N, C-alpha and C. Protein backbone atom coordinates (compact mmCIF):
# COMPACT_ATOMS: atom_id res chain seq x y z
N MET A 1 -14.62 -28.08 -52.54
CA MET A 1 -14.72 -28.66 -51.15
C MET A 1 -13.45 -29.12 -50.65
N ALA A 2 -13.31 -28.04 -49.37
CA ALA A 2 -12.01 -28.29 -48.55
C ALA A 2 -11.86 -29.18 -47.71
N LEU A 3 -10.89 -30.07 -47.91
CA LEU A 3 -11.12 -31.28 -46.79
C LEU A 3 -9.87 -31.19 -45.76
N SER A 4 -10.43 -31.32 -44.61
CA SER A 4 -9.43 -31.09 -43.48
C SER A 4 -8.53 -32.44 -43.43
N GLY A 5 -7.26 -32.11 -42.64
CA GLY A 5 -6.26 -33.10 -42.65
C GLY A 5 -6.66 -34.55 -41.92
N HIS A 6 -7.75 -34.14 -41.27
CA HIS A 6 -8.50 -35.39 -40.15
C HIS A 6 -9.47 -36.37 -41.43
N VAL A 7 -9.99 -35.44 -42.06
CA VAL A 7 -10.73 -36.30 -43.44
C VAL A 7 -9.74 -37.11 -44.34
N VAL A 8 -8.81 -36.17 -44.52
CA VAL A 8 -7.96 -36.63 -45.63
C VAL A 8 -7.20 -38.06 -45.15
N GLY A 9 -6.75 -37.92 -43.93
CA GLY A 9 -6.04 -39.19 -43.12
C GLY A 9 -7.20 -40.35 -43.36
N LEU A 10 -8.53 -39.95 -42.81
CA LEU A 10 -9.44 -41.29 -42.75
C LEU A 10 -9.39 -41.68 -44.13
N LEU A 11 -9.61 -40.93 -45.35
CA LEU A 11 -9.84 -41.49 -46.52
C LEU A 11 -8.57 -42.35 -47.00
N LYS A 12 -7.50 -42.19 -46.65
CA LYS A 12 -6.33 -42.64 -46.85
C LYS A 12 -6.14 -43.95 -46.01
N GLU A 13 -6.53 -43.90 -44.96
CA GLU A 13 -6.87 -45.08 -44.24
C GLU A 13 -7.70 -46.16 -44.60
N TYR A 14 -8.75 -45.74 -45.43
CA TYR A 14 -9.83 -46.45 -45.95
C TYR A 14 -9.32 -47.14 -47.22
N MET A 15 -8.63 -46.40 -47.90
CA MET A 15 -7.93 -46.91 -49.05
C MET A 15 -6.92 -47.89 -48.96
N ARG A 16 -6.24 -47.69 -47.94
CA ARG A 16 -5.38 -48.52 -47.39
C ARG A 16 -5.92 -49.89 -47.17
N ASP A 17 -6.82 -50.14 -46.78
CA ASP A 17 -7.55 -50.98 -46.16
C ASP A 17 -8.45 -51.84 -47.51
N LEU A 18 -8.39 -50.95 -48.62
CA LEU A 18 -9.05 -51.65 -49.49
C LEU A 18 -7.56 -52.16 -50.54
N VAL A 19 -6.71 -51.54 -50.41
CA VAL A 19 -5.38 -52.01 -51.22
C VAL A 19 -5.21 -53.48 -50.49
N GLU A 20 -5.20 -53.47 -49.30
CA GLU A 20 -4.80 -54.48 -48.59
C GLU A 20 -5.76 -55.79 -48.66
N GLN A 21 -7.12 -55.25 -48.48
CA GLN A 21 -8.16 -56.20 -49.02
C GLN A 21 -7.99 -56.94 -50.56
N ALA A 22 -7.45 -55.96 -51.57
CA ALA A 22 -7.30 -56.76 -52.88
C ALA A 22 -6.06 -57.42 -52.76
N LYS A 23 -4.89 -57.13 -51.87
CA LYS A 23 -3.85 -57.99 -51.72
C LYS A 23 -4.00 -59.34 -51.27
N GLN A 24 -5.23 -59.38 -49.88
CA GLN A 24 -5.13 -60.44 -49.58
C GLN A 24 -6.29 -61.51 -50.66
N GLU A 25 -7.30 -60.71 -51.38
CA GLU A 25 -7.81 -61.70 -52.56
C GLU A 25 -7.03 -62.20 -53.57
N THR A 26 -6.05 -61.26 -53.85
CA THR A 26 -5.34 -61.84 -54.99
C THR A 26 -4.36 -63.09 -54.57
N ALA A 27 -4.05 -63.09 -53.46
CA ALA A 27 -3.07 -64.06 -52.98
C ALA A 27 -4.19 -65.38 -52.94
N ALA A 28 -5.21 -65.21 -52.13
CA ALA A 28 -6.34 -66.16 -52.16
C ALA A 28 -6.52 -66.94 -53.55
N HIS A 29 -7.07 -66.06 -54.36
CA HIS A 29 -7.34 -66.48 -55.67
C HIS A 29 -5.90 -67.19 -56.52
N ALA A 30 -4.81 -66.78 -55.96
CA ALA A 30 -3.42 -67.51 -56.71
C ALA A 30 -2.82 -68.65 -55.88
N SER A 31 -3.86 -68.71 -54.65
CA SER A 31 -3.61 -70.29 -53.84
C SER A 31 -4.70 -71.15 -54.59
N PHE A 32 -5.46 -70.90 -54.91
CA PHE A 32 -6.48 -71.74 -55.82
C PHE A 32 -6.39 -72.00 -57.23
N GLY A 33 -5.23 -71.28 -57.63
CA GLY A 33 -4.67 -71.19 -58.79
C GLY A 33 -5.80 -70.46 -60.05
N PHE A 34 -6.19 -69.19 -59.57
CA PHE A 34 -6.96 -68.53 -60.50
C PHE A 34 -6.04 -67.19 -60.63
N SER A 35 -6.45 -66.69 -61.64
CA SER A 35 -5.56 -65.44 -62.01
C SER A 35 -6.47 -64.47 -61.90
N ALA A 36 -5.53 -63.13 -61.97
CA ALA A 36 -6.23 -61.78 -61.57
C ALA A 36 -7.24 -61.45 -62.54
N THR A 37 -8.24 -60.97 -62.09
CA THR A 37 -9.20 -60.80 -63.03
C THR A 37 -8.94 -59.08 -63.43
N PRO A 38 -9.15 -58.59 -64.45
CA PRO A 38 -9.12 -57.10 -65.08
C PRO A 38 -9.64 -56.40 -64.12
N TYR A 39 -9.17 -55.25 -63.85
CA TYR A 39 -9.48 -54.14 -62.49
C TYR A 39 -9.52 -53.09 -63.30
N ARG A 40 -10.87 -52.32 -63.64
CA ARG A 40 -10.95 -50.80 -64.07
C ARG A 40 -10.64 -50.14 -63.19
N SER A 41 -10.06 -48.57 -63.49
CA SER A 41 -9.93 -47.65 -62.63
C SER A 41 -10.96 -46.84 -61.73
N ASP A 42 -12.35 -47.11 -62.63
CA ASP A 42 -13.28 -46.64 -62.19
C ASP A 42 -13.81 -47.56 -61.08
N GLN A 43 -13.37 -48.88 -60.85
CA GLN A 43 -13.88 -49.53 -59.85
C GLN A 43 -13.17 -49.05 -58.51
N ALA A 44 -12.01 -48.75 -58.64
CA ALA A 44 -11.28 -47.90 -57.28
C ALA A 44 -12.21 -47.11 -56.38
N LEU A 45 -12.71 -46.12 -57.58
CA LEU A 45 -13.58 -44.84 -57.13
C LEU A 45 -14.79 -45.47 -56.47
N SER A 46 -15.55 -46.36 -57.25
CA SER A 46 -16.92 -47.26 -56.83
C SER A 46 -16.28 -47.91 -55.46
N ASP A 47 -15.09 -48.71 -55.28
CA ASP A 47 -14.68 -49.17 -54.01
C ASP A 47 -14.60 -48.32 -52.99
N LEU A 48 -13.81 -47.03 -53.03
CA LEU A 48 -13.81 -45.81 -52.25
C LEU A 48 -15.26 -45.45 -51.66
N LEU A 49 -16.31 -45.15 -52.48
CA LEU A 49 -17.35 -44.80 -51.86
C LEU A 49 -18.31 -45.81 -51.41
N ALA A 50 -18.07 -47.19 -51.74
CA ALA A 50 -18.65 -48.39 -51.03
C ALA A 50 -18.25 -48.57 -49.59
N ILE A 51 -16.74 -48.23 -49.28
CA ILE A 51 -16.41 -48.52 -48.01
C ILE A 51 -16.65 -47.20 -47.03
N LEU A 52 -16.86 -46.13 -48.05
CA LEU A 52 -17.24 -44.79 -47.28
C LEU A 52 -18.51 -44.65 -46.72
N ASP A 53 -19.56 -45.61 -47.66
CA ASP A 53 -20.84 -45.72 -47.07
C ASP A 53 -20.69 -46.60 -46.00
N ASP A 54 -20.10 -47.83 -45.98
CA ASP A 54 -20.01 -48.80 -45.02
C ASP A 54 -19.63 -48.15 -43.97
N ARG A 55 -18.37 -47.38 -43.58
CA ARG A 55 -18.12 -46.75 -42.44
C ARG A 55 -19.01 -45.62 -41.90
N ILE A 56 -19.32 -45.00 -42.96
CA ILE A 56 -20.34 -43.64 -42.15
C ILE A 56 -21.37 -44.55 -41.62
N GLU A 57 -22.26 -45.71 -42.02
CA GLU A 57 -22.96 -46.27 -41.38
C GLU A 57 -22.41 -46.96 -39.93
N SER A 58 -21.32 -47.40 -39.90
CA SER A 58 -20.81 -47.94 -38.73
C SER A 58 -20.26 -47.35 -37.94
N GLU A 59 -19.66 -46.05 -38.09
CA GLU A 59 -18.57 -44.90 -37.78
C GLU A 59 -19.57 -43.82 -37.57
N GLY A 60 -19.55 -43.40 -38.70
CA GLY A 60 -20.10 -42.17 -38.95
C GLY A 60 -19.82 -40.86 -38.30
N MET A 61 -20.05 -39.90 -37.22
CA MET A 61 -20.14 -39.02 -36.75
C MET A 61 -18.94 -39.09 -35.83
N GLN A 62 -19.06 -40.26 -35.59
CA GLN A 62 -18.11 -40.49 -34.17
C GLN A 62 -16.39 -40.54 -34.45
N VAL A 63 -16.22 -40.69 -36.04
CA VAL A 63 -14.84 -40.45 -36.44
C VAL A 63 -14.69 -38.92 -37.25
N GLY A 64 -16.11 -38.09 -36.96
CA GLY A 64 -15.69 -36.62 -37.32
C GLY A 64 -15.77 -36.33 -38.91
N LEU A 65 -16.65 -37.31 -39.28
CA LEU A 65 -16.73 -36.96 -40.83
C LEU A 65 -18.33 -36.07 -40.78
N PRO A 66 -18.17 -35.03 -41.64
CA PRO A 66 -19.12 -34.03 -41.79
C PRO A 66 -20.55 -34.56 -41.95
N ASP A 67 -21.50 -33.96 -41.97
CA ASP A 67 -22.97 -34.29 -42.65
C ASP A 67 -22.98 -34.03 -44.05
N GLY A 68 -23.32 -35.05 -44.63
CA GLY A 68 -23.48 -34.98 -46.48
C GLY A 68 -22.06 -35.08 -47.10
N PHE A 69 -21.15 -35.67 -46.29
CA PHE A 69 -19.88 -36.15 -46.85
C PHE A 69 -19.81 -37.19 -47.71
N LEU A 70 -20.64 -38.09 -47.74
CA LEU A 70 -20.67 -39.06 -49.04
C LEU A 70 -21.17 -38.57 -50.03
N HIS A 71 -22.23 -37.67 -50.00
CA HIS A 71 -22.64 -37.23 -51.17
C HIS A 71 -21.70 -36.07 -51.64
N GLN A 72 -20.94 -35.59 -50.64
CA GLN A 72 -20.12 -34.61 -51.46
C GLN A 72 -18.92 -35.39 -51.99
N MET A 73 -18.56 -36.51 -51.63
CA MET A 73 -17.60 -37.32 -52.13
C MET A 73 -18.05 -37.93 -53.61
N TRP A 74 -19.21 -38.25 -53.79
CA TRP A 74 -19.44 -38.76 -54.92
C TRP A 74 -19.41 -37.92 -56.04
N GLY A 75 -19.73 -36.36 -55.60
CA GLY A 75 -19.55 -35.59 -56.77
C GLY A 75 -17.98 -35.12 -56.99
N LEU A 76 -17.10 -35.34 -55.93
CA LEU A 76 -15.68 -35.35 -56.34
C LEU A 76 -15.27 -36.65 -57.07
N CYS A 77 -15.76 -37.80 -56.60
CA CYS A 77 -15.21 -38.89 -57.47
C CYS A 77 -15.76 -38.67 -58.89
N ASN A 78 -17.04 -38.62 -59.19
CA ASN A 78 -17.65 -38.03 -60.47
C ASN A 78 -16.64 -37.16 -61.19
N ASP A 79 -16.63 -35.97 -60.50
CA ASP A 79 -15.55 -35.22 -61.40
C ASP A 79 -14.03 -35.65 -61.40
N ALA A 80 -13.52 -36.64 -61.10
CA ALA A 80 -12.07 -36.86 -61.16
C ALA A 80 -11.90 -38.10 -61.91
N SER A 81 -13.20 -38.83 -62.12
CA SER A 81 -13.13 -39.96 -62.64
C SER A 81 -12.06 -40.04 -64.01
N ALA A 82 -12.41 -39.17 -64.87
CA ALA A 82 -11.63 -39.18 -66.22
C ALA A 82 -10.00 -39.15 -65.92
N GLN A 83 -9.86 -38.02 -64.82
CA GLN A 83 -8.20 -37.83 -64.63
C GLN A 83 -7.83 -39.14 -63.81
N VAL A 84 -8.49 -39.96 -63.33
CA VAL A 84 -8.22 -41.00 -62.25
C VAL A 84 -7.66 -42.26 -63.57
N THR A 85 -8.64 -42.30 -64.35
CA THR A 85 -8.73 -43.28 -65.38
C THR A 85 -7.71 -42.97 -66.28
N GLU A 86 -7.27 -41.86 -66.58
CA GLU A 86 -6.15 -41.50 -67.62
C GLU A 86 -4.94 -41.86 -66.99
N ARG A 87 -4.53 -41.57 -65.29
CA ARG A 87 -3.41 -41.89 -64.91
C ARG A 87 -3.08 -43.37 -64.58
N VAL A 88 -3.93 -44.05 -64.09
CA VAL A 88 -4.26 -45.53 -64.04
C VAL A 88 -3.59 -45.96 -65.34
N TRP A 89 -4.36 -45.44 -66.63
CA TRP A 89 -4.00 -46.18 -67.63
C TRP A 89 -2.49 -45.82 -67.99
N LEU A 90 -2.17 -44.63 -67.81
CA LEU A 90 -0.82 -44.34 -68.62
C LEU A 90 0.46 -45.18 -67.62
N GLU A 91 -0.04 -44.92 -66.18
CA GLU A 91 0.91 -46.09 -65.23
C GLU A 91 0.90 -47.39 -65.82
N MET A 92 -0.05 -47.67 -66.24
CA MET A 92 -0.01 -49.45 -66.08
C MET A 92 0.31 -49.62 -67.57
N ASN A 93 0.28 -49.06 -68.40
CA ASN A 93 0.57 -49.02 -70.10
C ASN A 93 2.03 -48.67 -69.94
N SER A 94 2.70 -48.12 -68.95
CA SER A 94 4.11 -47.95 -69.24
C SER A 94 4.71 -48.66 -68.56
N SER A 95 4.53 -49.58 -67.82
CA SER A 95 5.19 -50.52 -66.80
C SER A 95 4.93 -51.89 -67.36
N ASP A 96 5.88 -52.76 -66.92
CA ASP A 96 5.57 -54.31 -67.37
C ASP A 96 4.37 -55.09 -66.41
N GLN A 97 3.89 -54.15 -65.23
CA GLN A 97 3.15 -54.84 -64.29
C GLN A 97 1.78 -55.28 -64.77
N PRO A 98 0.90 -56.21 -64.59
CA PRO A 98 -0.15 -56.38 -64.70
C PRO A 98 -1.19 -55.44 -64.07
N THR A 99 -2.26 -55.54 -64.78
CA THR A 99 -3.41 -54.37 -64.19
C THR A 99 -4.35 -55.37 -63.14
N ASP A 100 -4.11 -55.16 -61.77
CA ASP A 100 -4.70 -55.96 -61.29
C ASP A 100 -5.18 -54.99 -59.76
N THR A 101 -6.20 -55.90 -59.22
CA THR A 101 -7.17 -54.81 -58.00
C THR A 101 -6.25 -54.27 -57.27
N ARG A 102 -5.24 -54.27 -56.66
CA ARG A 102 -4.72 -53.73 -55.71
C ARG A 102 -3.59 -52.62 -56.48
N ALA A 103 -2.96 -52.79 -57.58
CA ALA A 103 -2.21 -51.83 -58.34
C ALA A 103 -3.37 -50.65 -58.62
N SER A 104 -4.24 -50.91 -59.11
CA SER A 104 -5.17 -50.01 -59.86
C SER A 104 -5.85 -49.25 -58.60
N ARG A 105 -6.13 -49.76 -57.54
CA ARG A 105 -6.49 -48.93 -56.26
C ARG A 105 -5.29 -48.29 -55.60
N THR A 106 -4.20 -48.69 -55.68
CA THR A 106 -2.88 -48.15 -55.50
C THR A 106 -2.82 -47.04 -56.48
N LEU A 107 -2.59 -46.73 -57.61
CA LEU A 107 -2.54 -45.89 -58.43
C LEU A 107 -3.57 -44.76 -58.38
N GLY A 108 -4.97 -45.49 -58.41
CA GLY A 108 -5.81 -44.58 -58.80
C GLY A 108 -6.48 -43.65 -57.42
N VAL A 109 -6.17 -44.14 -56.25
CA VAL A 109 -6.32 -43.21 -55.51
C VAL A 109 -5.40 -42.92 -54.20
N VAL A 110 -4.86 -43.55 -53.96
CA VAL A 110 -3.76 -43.44 -52.84
C VAL A 110 -2.86 -42.37 -53.11
N LYS A 111 -2.23 -42.41 -54.25
CA LYS A 111 -0.89 -41.50 -54.49
C LYS A 111 -1.55 -40.53 -54.80
C-alpha cells in the first residue's frame, strides 16, 4: 500500500497528538505522586489505530483519507508489529531511559 505524502503527514500529526497526550498524562500522574506504568510497544500501534478510528469518524473524508484506510492500516500495523516491538525493545534496553508511554509512542511509530 503506497501512502501519499498527505496521508503520511496526517499519520505523523496523529502520532504527535498521542505523544503529547502521553506527556500530559505522565505529568498529571507525577503531580499526584504516581509512577509511570509500563507501556508495551504494541500499545502504541493500538493507540494509533484507535486515534485513526476516532479521527475518521469525526473528520473522515474531509481530511482526504481514502475509503478503507483504517482497514488497510490494521493490516500494516499487524505486519509491522514484530519490527516495532523489536526496535522499541532495543532502544529502551540500550539506554538508561525508563519505558514510559511517551517514549514508546515516539520510538515505536513517529521515528
